[in-house]
C-alpha cells in the first residue's frame, strides 16, 4: 500500500499543512500553485480520501488528512533512512582532527555529525585547543587534519573563511577605561596577541582580568562583567555582543583555515576534508545574509 503514495506528493502535502495554504506551500517548495494543487489531487486520488476541506477563505485538514500527516512523516522518514543505508560509504580508518576552541561552537559539530552518519566506519579522534598549539602537534605528526586560525598574510592551510575581529562584552557593555580589562586565552593565543598589539599601538594600558583555555570559561567571565574579549564576529558565543566603543582600537580580520598533514590524503581523509570545506561554504553564505555579515 505504501507504494501508492508518491514521496513528492507527500512532501507537498506536509508543506501545505505547515504553511496553511497552496500558494504559501508553493513558495516554500519553489513550485507553481497549479503543481501543488495537482500533487494534492493525485494524493487524494491515491488514498481515496479527501485530505483537505476547502472553501473560499479557509483550508483545513479533514480527519483523514490529520491521519495522513503522521503516515506521510513516517513514510518519508523510512525512505530517508533506507537511502542513507544503501548509499553509505564503506570507508574505514582513523582521522585525528584538531580544531580551535571557538570553531566548535558553530558549524563544525554539525559537519562532524553528518560525516559520522555517512561514514560510520571512520573513527574520529578530536583534539580541541589553541591554534598555535595544534599546529605544533600537527608538525609532530600527531594530527591528520586541523581547522585553525591564522593572521592575514600567512600562507599555511586552505582558506575557509575570513572573519572580522571585534571587542565583545555582555549586552550593553561600553566605556572601557584604562587599564582595559581583558578576558583572554593564554599564550600563544592569536586573538590575545592581536588584542595586546592593538592596545599598544594606540598607547592604551590593560590588565588581564581572566585567563581560560576554554571558550566556556571565557564566556562565563565576560557574562560576569569581568572584562572584554577579542573574538571572531560570526562565532560570538550566545550572550556576547560586539562592543560599540570608539575608544577601543580596530582589530582587523582573522582567517580560518584547513590544514592537512599529508599532501596525498587517504580516501577517508579526503572525504572529511571535503565535508569541512562544504560546511565552511554554508557558513560563509549564512554570514553574508545575516545582519552581522551585512556590516562586515
Protein backbone atom coordinates (compact mmCIF):
# COMPACT_ATOMS: atom_id res chain seq x y z
CA UNK A 1 0.00 0.00 0.00
CA UNK A 2 2.87 2.44 0.77
CA UNK A 3 3.98 2.27 -2.87
CA UNK A 4 0.81 4.08 -3.95
CA UNK A 5 1.99 7.26 -2.17
CA UNK A 6 4.45 9.32 -4.18
CA UNK A 7 7.15 10.92 -1.95
CA UNK A 8 6.97 14.23 -3.82
CA UNK A 9 3.23 14.37 -3.26
CA UNK A 10 3.70 13.59 0.43
CA UNK A 11 6.28 16.38 0.79
CA UNK A 12 3.91 18.80 -0.90
CA UNK A 13 1.07 17.66 1.37
CA UNK A 14 3.16 18.32 4.51
CA UNK A 15 4.24 21.71 3.14
CA UNK A 16 0.60 22.72 2.58
CA UNK A 17 -0.29 21.54 6.08
CA UNK A 18 2.56 23.57 7.64
CA UNK A 19 2.08 26.69 5.51
CA UNK A 20 -1.69 26.71 5.72
CA UNK A 21 -2.28 27.15 2.00
CA UNK A 22 -1.35 26.07 -1.51
CA UNK A 23 0.23 29.38 -2.54
CA UNK A 24 2.42 29.61 0.57
CA UNK A 25 3.48 25.98 0.18
CA UNK A 26 4.39 26.66 -3.45
CA UNK A 27 6.67 29.50 -2.37
CA UNK A 28 8.41 27.24 0.14
CA UNK A 29 8.88 24.41 -2.36
CA UNK A 30 9.59 26.58 -5.40
CA UNK A 31 6.52 25.18 -7.21
CA UNK A 32 3.62 26.80 -9.04
CA UNK A 33 0.29 26.75 -7.26
CA UNK A 34 -1.14 24.56 -10.05
CA UNK A 35 1.61 21.99 -9.41
CA UNK A 36 0.86 21.99 -5.68
CA UNK A 37 -2.85 21.54 -6.39
CA UNK A 38 -2.07 18.68 -8.76
CA UNK A 39 0.07 16.90 -6.16
CA UNK A 40 -2.70 17.13 -3.57
CA UNK A 41 -5.37 15.98 -6.04
CA UNK A 42 -3.31 12.92 -7.04
CA UNK A 43 -2.57 12.09 -3.41
CA UNK A 44 -6.26 12.26 -2.57
CA UNK A 45 -6.99 10.05 -5.57
CA UNK A 46 -4.37 7.53 -4.47
CA UNK A 47 -5.71 7.41 -0.91
CA UNK A 48 -9.34 7.52 -1.92
CA UNK A 49 -9.97 10.13 0.77
CA UNK A 50 -10.44 13.88 0.97
CA UNK A 51 -7.45 15.28 2.87
CA UNK A 52 -8.29 19.00 2.97
CA UNK A 53 -11.61 20.73 3.45
CA UNK A 54 -11.62 23.86 1.29
CA UNK A 55 -13.79 26.92 0.97
CA UNK A 56 -13.13 30.37 -0.45
CA UNK A 57 -11.37 31.60 2.69
CA UNK A 58 -10.14 28.64 4.72
CA UNK A 59 -8.18 25.42 4.28
CA UNK A 60 -8.36 22.77 7.00
CA UNK A 61 -7.37 19.13 7.39
CA UNK A 62 -10.10 16.54 7.40
CA UNK A 63 -9.87 13.67 9.89
CA UNK A 64 -8.26 11.57 7.14
CA UNK A 65 -5.89 14.45 6.40
CA UNK A 66 -4.82 14.60 10.04
CA UNK A 67 -4.09 10.87 9.91
CA UNK A 68 -2.13 11.33 6.69
CA UNK A 69 0.22 13.81 8.39
CA UNK A 70 1.57 11.05 10.63
CA UNK A 71 1.71 8.50 7.82
CA UNK A 72 3.48 10.93 5.47
CA UNK A 73 6.16 11.75 8.02
CA UNK A 74 6.74 8.06 8.77
CA UNK A 75 6.93 7.12 5.08
CA UNK A 76 9.37 9.92 4.23
CA UNK A 77 11.49 9.17 7.28
CA UNK A 78 11.67 5.47 6.37
CA UNK A 79 12.64 6.37 2.81
CA UNK A 80 15.39 8.70 4.03
CA UNK A 81 16.77 6.02 6.35
CA UNK A 82 16.77 3.49 3.51
CA UNK A 83 18.54 5.90 1.18
CA UNK A 84 21.20 6.62 3.80
CA UNK A 85 21.69 2.92 4.47
CA UNK A 86 22.13 1.90 0.86
CA UNK A 87 24.21 4.92 -0.11
CA UNK A 88 26.53 4.73 2.89
CA UNK A 89 30.21 4.75 2.16
CA UNK A 90 32.17 1.78 3.45
CA UNK A 91 35.21 3.90 4.20
CA UNK A 92 37.18 2.81 7.25
CA UNK A 93 40.10 4.27 9.14
CA UNK A 94 41.07 6.76 11.83
CA UNK A 95 41.29 10.53 11.43
CA UNK A 96 42.96 12.65 14.11
CA UNK A 97 41.29 16.05 13.77
CA UNK A 98 42.39 19.21 15.52
CA UNK A 99 40.06 22.21 15.92
CA UNK A 100 40.47 25.57 17.59
CA UNK A 101 38.13 26.03 20.52
CA UNK A 102 35.88 28.71 19.02
CA UNK A 103 35.02 26.85 15.78
CA UNK A 104 33.49 24.03 17.82
CA UNK A 105 30.66 26.38 18.80
CA UNK A 106 29.20 26.93 15.34
CA UNK A 107 29.31 24.82 12.19
CA UNK A 108 31.85 22.07 12.86
CA UNK A 109 29.76 19.86 15.22
CA UNK A 110 27.00 19.57 12.59
CA UNK A 111 29.59 18.78 9.89
CA UNK A 112 31.10 16.03 12.03
CA UNK A 113 27.65 14.64 12.89
CA UNK A 114 26.71 14.32 9.22
CA UNK A 115 30.12 12.87 8.36
CA UNK A 116 29.76 10.17 11.03
CA UNK A 117 26.28 9.28 9.77
CA UNK A 118 27.55 8.98 6.19
CA UNK A 119 30.80 7.20 7.09
CA UNK A 120 30.17 5.11 10.23
CA UNK A 121 33.28 3.02 9.56
CA UNK A 122 35.58 6.03 10.04
CA UNK A 123 36.71 6.74 13.60
CA UNK A 124 37.27 10.39 14.57
CA UNK A 125 39.69 11.43 17.28
CA UNK A 126 39.02 15.09 18.07
CA UNK A 127 41.58 17.39 19.70
CA UNK A 128 40.42 20.90 20.69
CA UNK A 129 42.80 23.66 21.71
CA UNK A 130 44.66 26.81 20.71
CA UNK A 131 45.54 27.03 17.02
CA UNK A 132 49.26 27.57 17.64
CA UNK A 133 49.47 24.53 19.92
CA UNK A 134 47.58 22.42 17.40
CA UNK A 135 49.97 23.48 14.64
CA UNK A 136 52.85 22.24 16.78
CA UNK A 137 51.12 18.90 17.25
CA UNK A 138 50.48 18.56 13.53
CA UNK A 139 54.14 19.29 12.79
CA UNK A 140 54.99 16.48 15.22
CA UNK A 141 52.75 14.07 13.28
CA UNK A 142 50.06 13.85 15.97
CA UNK A 143 47.19 15.23 13.82
CA UNK A 144 45.99 14.45 10.29
CA UNK A 145 43.68 17.43 9.66
CA UNK A 146 43.17 20.68 11.51
CA UNK A 147 40.73 23.62 11.46
CA UNK A 148 42.67 26.56 12.83
CA UNK A 149 43.15 30.32 12.75
CA UNK A 150 45.83 32.37 11.07
CA UNK A 151 46.65 36.05 10.69
CA UNK A 152 46.10 37.68 7.28
CA UNK A 153 49.20 37.31 5.13
CA UNK A 154 50.15 33.90 6.47
CA UNK A 155 50.19 31.19 3.81
CA UNK A 156 49.72 27.83 5.55
CA UNK A 157 46.45 25.96 5.04
CA UNK A 158 43.44 26.31 2.73
CA UNK A 159 41.34 29.39 3.47
CA UNK A 160 37.85 28.51 4.70
CA UNK A 161 36.53 31.97 5.57
CA UNK A 162 37.60 35.39 6.81
CA UNK A 163 36.07 36.97 9.87
CA UNK A 164 36.11 40.44 11.40
CA UNK A 165 37.63 40.62 14.87
CA UNK A 166 35.60 42.59 17.41
CA UNK A 167 35.79 43.60 21.03
CA UNK A 168 32.94 41.74 22.68
CA UNK A 169 31.19 42.01 26.02
CA UNK A 170 27.84 41.34 27.62
CA UNK A 171 24.82 43.26 26.35
CA UNK A 172 25.18 46.99 26.92
CA UNK A 173 28.87 46.84 27.86
CA UNK A 174 30.71 50.05 26.99
CA UNK A 175 33.08 52.66 28.39
CA UNK A 176 36.23 50.61 28.99
CA UNK A 177 38.74 52.98 30.59
CA UNK A 178 42.44 52.30 31.10
CA UNK A 179 43.54 49.82 32.09
CA UNK A 180 41.28 47.89 29.70
CA UNK A 181 40.19 44.65 31.45
CA UNK A 182 40.92 41.71 29.12
CA UNK A 183 39.37 38.26 29.15
CA UNK A 184 41.61 36.05 27.07
CA UNK A 185 43.04 32.69 26.17
CA UNK A 186 46.56 32.02 27.49
CA UNK A 187 49.59 32.40 25.22
CA UNK A 188 50.18 31.55 22.40
CA UNK A 189 46.63 32.71 21.57
CA UNK A 190 46.33 34.60 18.28
CA UNK A 191 43.43 36.77 19.49
CA UNK A 192 45.37 37.62 22.66
CA UNK A 193 48.33 38.69 20.50
CA UNK A 194 46.09 40.84 18.29
CA UNK A 195 44.41 42.49 21.30
CA UNK A 196 47.67 43.42 23.04
CA UNK A 197 49.28 44.66 19.81
CA UNK A 198 46.24 46.87 19.04
CA UNK A 199 46.21 48.38 22.53
CA UNK A 200 49.95 49.03 22.44
CA UNK A 201 49.61 50.70 19.05
CA UNK A 202 47.05 53.14 20.48
CA UNK A 203 49.01 53.74 23.68
CA UNK A 204 46.33 52.11 25.84
CA UNK A 205 47.09 50.18 29.02
CA UNK A 206 45.42 46.93 30.03
CA UNK A 207 45.13 44.33 32.74
CA UNK A 208 44.41 40.62 32.36
CA UNK A 209 41.11 40.10 34.18
CA UNK A 210 40.63 36.41 33.31
CA UNK A 211 42.56 33.69 31.51
CA UNK A 212 40.93 30.44 30.39
CA UNK A 213 41.86 27.80 27.85
CA UNK A 214 38.19 27.11 27.07
CA UNK A 215 35.56 29.25 25.39
CA UNK A 216 33.07 28.20 28.07
CA UNK A 217 35.27 29.78 30.76
CA UNK A 218 35.86 32.93 28.71
CA UNK A 219 32.15 33.36 28.00
CA UNK A 220 31.32 32.97 31.71
CA UNK A 221 33.91 35.61 32.62
CA UNK A 222 32.57 38.11 30.08
CA UNK A 223 28.96 37.49 31.16
CA UNK A 224 30.09 38.09 34.75
CA UNK A 225 31.25 41.55 33.67
CA UNK A 226 34.95 40.88 34.33
CA UNK A 227 36.08 42.42 31.06
CA UNK A 228 36.09 42.46 27.28
CA UNK A 229 37.27 39.78 24.87
CA UNK A 230 38.59 39.84 21.29
CA UNK A 231 36.64 37.36 19.18
CA UNK A 232 35.67 36.49 15.62
CA UNK A 233 32.38 38.27 14.99
CA UNK A 234 30.45 35.46 13.29
CA UNK A 235 31.42 32.96 16.02
CA UNK A 236 30.45 35.03 19.07
CA UNK A 237 29.11 32.76 21.83
CA UNK A 238 25.49 33.25 22.97
CA UNK A 239 25.03 36.33 25.13
CA UNK A 240 28.12 38.15 23.85
CA UNK A 241 27.87 41.22 21.61
CA UNK A 242 30.26 43.50 19.74
CA UNK A 243 31.12 46.47 21.96
CA UNK A 244 30.32 49.89 20.50
CA UNK A 245 33.16 51.95 21.92
CA UNK A 246 35.13 54.22 19.58
CA UNK A 247 37.98 54.41 22.09
CA UNK A 248 38.83 50.73 21.58
CA UNK A 249 41.24 50.26 18.65
CA UNK A 250 40.38 48.47 15.42
CA UNK A 251 41.42 44.85 15.23
CA UNK A 252 41.26 43.85 11.55
CA UNK A 253 40.42 40.37 10.36
CA UNK A 254 41.23 36.76 11.16
CA UNK A 255 41.33 33.82 8.74
CA UNK A 256 40.11 30.30 9.41
CA UNK A 257 41.96 27.59 7.51
CA UNK A 258 42.02 23.84 6.99
CA UNK A 259 45.41 22.17 7.20
CA UNK A 260 46.39 18.64 6.26
CA UNK A 261 49.45 16.67 7.26
CA UNK A 262 49.73 14.65 4.06
CA UNK A 263 49.73 16.21 0.60
CA UNK A 264 48.27 12.97 -0.76
CA UNK A 265 45.35 12.25 1.58
CA UNK A 266 43.72 8.88 2.13
CA UNK A 267 40.19 8.38 0.85
CA UNK A 268 38.62 8.84 4.28
CA UNK A 269 40.73 11.94 4.99
CA UNK A 270 39.68 13.40 1.63
CA UNK A 271 36.01 12.75 2.50
CA UNK A 272 36.28 14.70 5.77
CA UNK A 273 38.33 17.43 4.10
CA UNK A 274 35.57 17.95 1.54
CA UNK A 275 32.83 17.83 4.21
CA UNK A 276 34.55 20.58 6.21
CA UNK A 277 35.09 22.83 3.18
CA UNK A 278 31.41 22.38 2.22
CA UNK A 279 30.41 23.34 5.78
CA UNK A 280 32.59 26.45 5.53
CA UNK A 281 30.80 27.47 2.33
CA UNK A 282 27.46 27.20 4.15
CA UNK A 283 28.80 29.32 7.00
CA UNK A 284 30.05 31.99 4.58
CA UNK A 285 26.66 32.07 2.86
CA UNK A 286 24.79 32.31 6.19
CA UNK A 287 27.11 35.04 7.47
CA UNK A 288 26.80 37.04 4.24
CA UNK A 289 22.99 37.03 4.53
CA UNK A 290 22.86 37.83 8.27
CA UNK A 291 22.77 41.31 9.84
CA UNK A 292 26.28 40.66 11.20
CA UNK A 293 27.63 39.70 7.80
CA UNK A 294 25.98 42.67 6.14
CA UNK A 295 28.02 45.06 8.18
CA UNK A 296 31.38 43.46 7.61
